[in-house]
Amino acid sequence: MTDDMERRACDLAVYIIENRTTIRATAKRFGISKSTVHKDLTQRLKHCDTELYLQVKALLEVNKAERHIRGGLATKQKYKNTAGDRR
């Protein structure tokens, strides 16, 4: 693994922990794919910084547990915004 990938994995981890963001938001912020962020945080980070990996893993578990709620809120907002168009 190159130093660049290790550095990117650590940068992503610090960002996601400090801002408590999702993988999608982190990918958008860094201009890389969600797949790359996910691989960096779940595979590469484990080998270069175990302590940081454990913090990220805990946050990702919380995000995973809450995603159905965020999805429901997004749908609610979508229909709330389009309800005014039907009148």
N, C-alpha and C. Protein backbone atom coordinates (compact mmCIF):
# COMPACT_ATOMS: atom_id res chain seq x y z
N MET A 1 0.85 -1.17 0.00
CA MET A 1 0.00 0.00 0.00
C MET A 1 0.90 1.24 0.00
N THR A 2 0.56 2.19 -0.82
CA THR A 2 1.40 3.38 -0.92
C THR A 2 1.11 4.35 0.22
N ASP A 3 2.05 5.23 0.44
CA ASP A 3 1.89 6.23 1.49
C ASP A 3 0.72 7.17 1.21
N ASP A 4 0.49 7.44 -0.09
CA ASP A 4 -0.63 8.32 -0.46
C ASP A 4 -1.97 7.72 -0.03
N MET A 5 -2.15 6.44 -0.27
CA MET A 5 -3.42 5.79 0.11
C MET A 5 -3.58 5.75 1.62
N GLU A 6 -2.49 5.49 2.34
CA GLU A 6 -2.55 5.49 3.80
C GLU A 6 -2.88 6.88 4.32
N ARG A 7 -2.24 7.88 3.76
CA ARG A 7 -2.49 9.27 4.18
C ARG A 7 -3.95 9.66 3.89
N ARG A 8 -4.44 9.27 2.70
CA ARG A 8 -5.84 9.58 2.34
C ARG A 8 -6.80 8.89 3.30
N ALA A 9 -6.52 7.64 3.64
CA ALA A 9 -7.38 6.90 4.56
C ALA A 9 -7.43 7.60 5.92
N CYS A 10 -6.29 8.06 6.40
CA CYS A 10 -6.25 8.77 7.68
C CYS A 10 -6.97 10.11 7.60
N ASP A 11 -6.77 10.83 6.50
CA ASP A 11 -7.45 12.11 6.31
C ASP A 11 -8.98 11.93 6.29
N LEU A 12 -9.42 10.91 5.58
CA LEU A 12 -10.86 10.63 5.50
C LEU A 12 -11.40 10.28 6.89
N ALA A 13 -10.65 9.48 7.62
CA ALA A 13 -11.09 9.06 8.96
C ALA A 13 -11.21 10.26 9.90
N VAL A 14 -10.22 11.11 9.89
CA VAL A 14 -10.26 12.30 10.75
C VAL A 14 -11.45 13.18 10.37
N TYR A 15 -11.67 13.36 9.08
CA TYR A 15 -12.79 14.20 8.62
C TYR A 15 -14.14 13.61 9.05
N ILE A 16 -14.31 12.31 8.85
CA ILE A 16 -15.61 11.70 9.15
C ILE A 16 -15.88 11.68 10.66
N ILE A 17 -14.83 11.57 11.46
CA ILE A 17 -15.00 11.58 12.91
C ILE A 17 -15.29 13.00 13.41
N GLU A 18 -14.51 13.97 12.95
CA GLU A 18 -14.70 15.35 13.42
C GLU A 18 -16.04 15.93 13.01
N ASN A 19 -16.50 15.58 11.81
CA ASN A 19 -17.74 16.17 11.30
C ASN A 19 -18.95 15.25 11.42
N ARG A 20 -18.71 14.02 11.86
CA ARG A 20 -19.78 13.02 12.02
C ARG A 20 -20.63 12.91 10.75
N THR A 21 -19.95 12.79 9.62
CA THR A 21 -20.64 12.73 8.34
C THR A 21 -20.80 11.28 7.88
N THR A 22 -21.50 11.13 6.78
CA THR A 22 -21.69 9.82 6.16
C THR A 22 -20.60 9.59 5.12
N ILE A 23 -20.51 8.38 4.64
CA ILE A 23 -19.56 8.06 3.57
C ILE A 23 -19.88 8.89 2.33
N ARG A 24 -21.15 9.02 2.02
CA ARG A 24 -21.56 9.79 0.84
C ARG A 24 -21.12 11.25 0.94
N ALA A 25 -21.34 11.87 2.08
CA ALA A 25 -20.95 13.27 2.28
C ALA A 25 -19.43 13.42 2.25
N THR A 26 -18.73 12.47 2.81
CA THR A 26 -17.27 12.51 2.83
C THR A 26 -16.73 12.37 1.40
N ALA A 27 -17.30 11.46 0.64
CA ALA A 27 -16.87 11.27 -0.75
C ALA A 27 -17.08 12.55 -1.56
N LYS A 28 -18.20 13.18 -1.35
CA LYS A 28 -18.50 14.43 -2.07
C LYS A 28 -17.51 15.52 -1.68
N ARG A 29 -17.20 15.62 -0.41
CA ARG A 29 -16.27 16.65 0.09
C ARG A 29 -14.87 16.47 -0.48
N PHE A 30 -14.41 15.21 -0.61
CA PHE A 30 -13.06 14.94 -1.09
C PHE A 30 -13.00 14.72 -2.60
N GLY A 31 -14.16 14.66 -3.26
CA GLY A 31 -14.19 14.50 -4.71
C GLY A 31 -13.76 13.13 -5.18
N ILE A 32 -14.06 12.10 -4.39
CA ILE A 32 -13.74 10.73 -4.77
C ILE A 32 -15.01 9.88 -4.64
N SER A 33 -14.95 8.65 -5.12
CA SER A 33 -16.15 7.81 -5.11
C SER A 33 -16.46 7.27 -3.72
N LYS A 34 -17.72 6.93 -3.51
CA LYS A 34 -18.13 6.33 -2.24
C LYS A 34 -17.42 5.00 -2.03
N SER A 35 -17.20 4.27 -3.10
CA SER A 35 -16.50 2.98 -3.01
C SER A 35 -15.08 3.15 -2.49
N THR A 36 -14.41 4.19 -2.96
CA THR A 36 -13.04 4.45 -2.51
C THR A 36 -13.02 4.83 -1.04
N VAL A 37 -13.95 5.69 -0.62
CA VAL A 37 -14.02 6.08 0.79
C VAL A 37 -14.29 4.86 1.65
N HIS A 38 -15.24 4.04 1.23
CA HIS A 38 -15.59 2.85 2.01
C HIS A 38 -14.40 1.91 2.12
N LYS A 39 -13.71 1.67 1.03
CA LYS A 39 -12.56 0.77 1.05
C LYS A 39 -11.45 1.34 1.92
N ASP A 40 -11.19 2.63 1.80
CA ASP A 40 -10.16 3.26 2.62
C ASP A 40 -10.47 3.12 4.11
N LEU A 41 -11.72 3.35 4.48
CA LEU A 41 -12.10 3.35 5.89
C LEU A 41 -12.27 1.97 6.49
N THR A 42 -12.65 1.01 5.69
CA THR A 42 -12.91 -0.33 6.24
C THR A 42 -11.78 -1.32 6.03
N GLN A 43 -10.91 -1.07 5.07
CA GLN A 43 -9.83 -2.02 4.80
C GLN A 43 -8.45 -1.41 5.01
N ARG A 44 -8.16 -0.32 4.36
CA ARG A 44 -6.81 0.25 4.41
C ARG A 44 -6.49 0.85 5.77
N LEU A 45 -7.46 1.52 6.37
CA LEU A 45 -7.23 2.18 7.65
C LEU A 45 -6.89 1.18 8.75
N LYS A 46 -7.47 0.00 8.67
CA LYS A 46 -7.22 -1.04 9.67
C LYS A 46 -5.73 -1.37 9.76
N HIS A 47 -5.03 -1.31 8.66
CA HIS A 47 -3.61 -1.68 8.63
C HIS A 47 -2.68 -0.53 8.99
N CYS A 48 -3.13 0.70 8.84
CA CYS A 48 -2.21 1.81 9.11
C CYS A 48 -2.47 2.52 10.44
N ASP A 49 -3.71 2.51 10.96
CA ASP A 49 -4.01 3.15 12.24
C ASP A 49 -5.20 2.46 12.89
N THR A 50 -4.92 1.50 13.72
CA THR A 50 -5.97 0.67 14.32
C THR A 50 -6.90 1.47 15.22
N GLU A 51 -6.36 2.38 16.00
CA GLU A 51 -7.18 3.17 16.91
C GLU A 51 -8.18 4.04 16.14
N LEU A 52 -7.70 4.68 15.10
CA LEU A 52 -8.57 5.50 14.25
C LEU A 52 -9.62 4.63 13.56
N TYR A 53 -9.20 3.46 13.12
CA TYR A 53 -10.12 2.52 12.48
C TYR A 53 -11.28 2.16 13.41
N LEU A 54 -10.98 1.89 14.68
CA LEU A 54 -12.03 1.51 15.63
C LEU A 54 -13.02 2.65 15.86
N GLN A 55 -12.52 3.88 15.88
CA GLN A 55 -13.42 5.04 16.03
C GLN A 55 -14.33 5.18 14.81
N VAL A 56 -13.76 5.03 13.63
CA VAL A 56 -14.55 5.13 12.40
C VAL A 56 -15.56 4.00 12.32
N LYS A 57 -15.14 2.81 12.69
CA LYS A 57 -16.04 1.64 12.65
C LYS A 57 -17.27 1.90 13.52
N ALA A 58 -17.06 2.45 14.71
CA ALA A 58 -18.18 2.75 15.60
C ALA A 58 -19.11 3.78 14.98
N LEU A 59 -18.55 4.81 14.36
CA LEU A 59 -19.38 5.83 13.72
C LEU A 59 -20.15 5.27 12.54
N LEU A 60 -19.51 4.42 11.75
CA LEU A 60 -20.19 3.82 10.60
C LEU A 60 -21.33 2.91 11.04
N GLU A 61 -21.16 2.25 12.17
CA GLU A 61 -22.26 1.42 12.70
C GLU A 61 -23.45 2.28 13.09
N VAL A 62 -23.19 3.43 13.68
CA VAL A 62 -24.28 4.36 14.04
C VAL A 62 -24.97 4.84 12.76
N ASN A 63 -24.17 5.24 11.76
CA ASN A 63 -24.75 5.70 10.50
C ASN A 63 -25.60 4.61 9.85
N LYS A 64 -25.12 3.39 9.92
CA LYS A 64 -25.87 2.28 9.32
C LYS A 64 -27.19 2.06 10.05
N ALA A 65 -27.17 2.19 11.37
CA ALA A 65 -28.39 2.00 12.16
C ALA A 65 -29.40 3.11 11.92
N GLU A 66 -28.93 4.30 11.57
CA GLU A 66 -29.81 5.46 11.39
C GLU A 66 -30.23 5.70 9.94
N ARG A 67 -29.67 4.98 9.00
CA ARG A 67 -29.92 5.33 7.60
C ARG A 67 -31.37 5.19 7.18
N HIS A 68 -32.10 4.25 7.76
CA HIS A 68 -33.51 4.11 7.40
C HIS A 68 -34.31 5.33 7.85
N ILE A 69 -33.88 5.95 8.93
CA ILE A 69 -34.55 7.16 9.41
C ILE A 69 -34.27 8.32 8.46
N ARG A 70 -33.01 8.48 8.07
CA ARG A 70 -32.66 9.56 7.13
C ARG A 70 -33.38 9.37 5.80
N GLY A 71 -33.50 8.13 5.35
CA GLY A 71 -34.20 7.86 4.10
C GLY A 71 -35.67 8.25 4.21
N GLY A 72 -36.28 7.93 5.33
CA GLY A 72 -37.68 8.29 5.55
C GLY A 72 -37.87 9.80 5.60
N LEU A 73 -36.95 10.49 6.23
CA LEU A 73 -37.05 11.95 6.30
C LEU A 73 -36.87 12.58 4.93
N ALA A 74 -35.98 12.02 4.13
CA ALA A 74 -35.77 12.53 2.77
C ALA A 74 -37.03 12.35 1.93
N THR A 75 -37.68 11.20 2.06
CA THR A 75 -38.92 10.94 1.32
C THR A 75 -40.02 11.89 1.79
N LYS A 76 -40.12 12.08 3.09
CA LYS A 76 -41.12 12.99 3.64
C LYS A 76 -40.91 14.41 3.09
N GLN A 77 -39.67 14.85 3.07
CA GLN A 77 -39.35 16.18 2.56
C GLN A 77 -39.67 16.29 1.08
N LYS A 78 -39.40 15.24 0.33
CA LYS A 78 -39.67 15.23 -1.11
C LYS A 78 -41.16 15.44 -1.37
N TYR A 79 -41.99 14.68 -0.65
CA TYR A 79 -43.42 14.79 -0.88
C TYR A 79 -44.00 16.07 -0.29
N LYS A 80 -43.37 16.59 0.74
CA LYS A 80 -43.82 17.85 1.30
C LYS A 80 -43.57 18.98 0.30
N ASN A 81 -42.42 18.93 -0.39
CA ASN A 81 -42.10 19.96 -1.38
C ASN A 81 -42.97 19.85 -2.63
N THR A 82 -43.37 18.65 -3.02
CA THR A 82 -44.17 18.50 -4.22
C THR A 82 -45.67 18.64 -3.93
N ALA A 83 -46.09 18.62 -2.68
CA ALA A 83 -47.50 18.75 -2.34
C ALA A 83 -48.05 20.11 -2.76
N GLY A 84 -47.24 21.15 -2.65
CA GLY A 84 -47.67 22.49 -3.03
C GLY A 84 -47.85 22.62 -4.54
N ASP A 85 -47.18 21.77 -5.31
CA ASP A 85 -47.29 21.83 -6.76
C ASP A 85 -48.62 21.32 -7.27
N ARG A 86 -49.29 20.48 -6.49
CA ARG A 86 -50.55 19.87 -6.93
C ARG A 86 -51.76 20.77 -6.73
N ARG A 87 -51.59 21.82 -6.00
CA ARG A 87 -52.74 22.68 -5.69
C ARG A 87 -53.05 23.63 -6.78
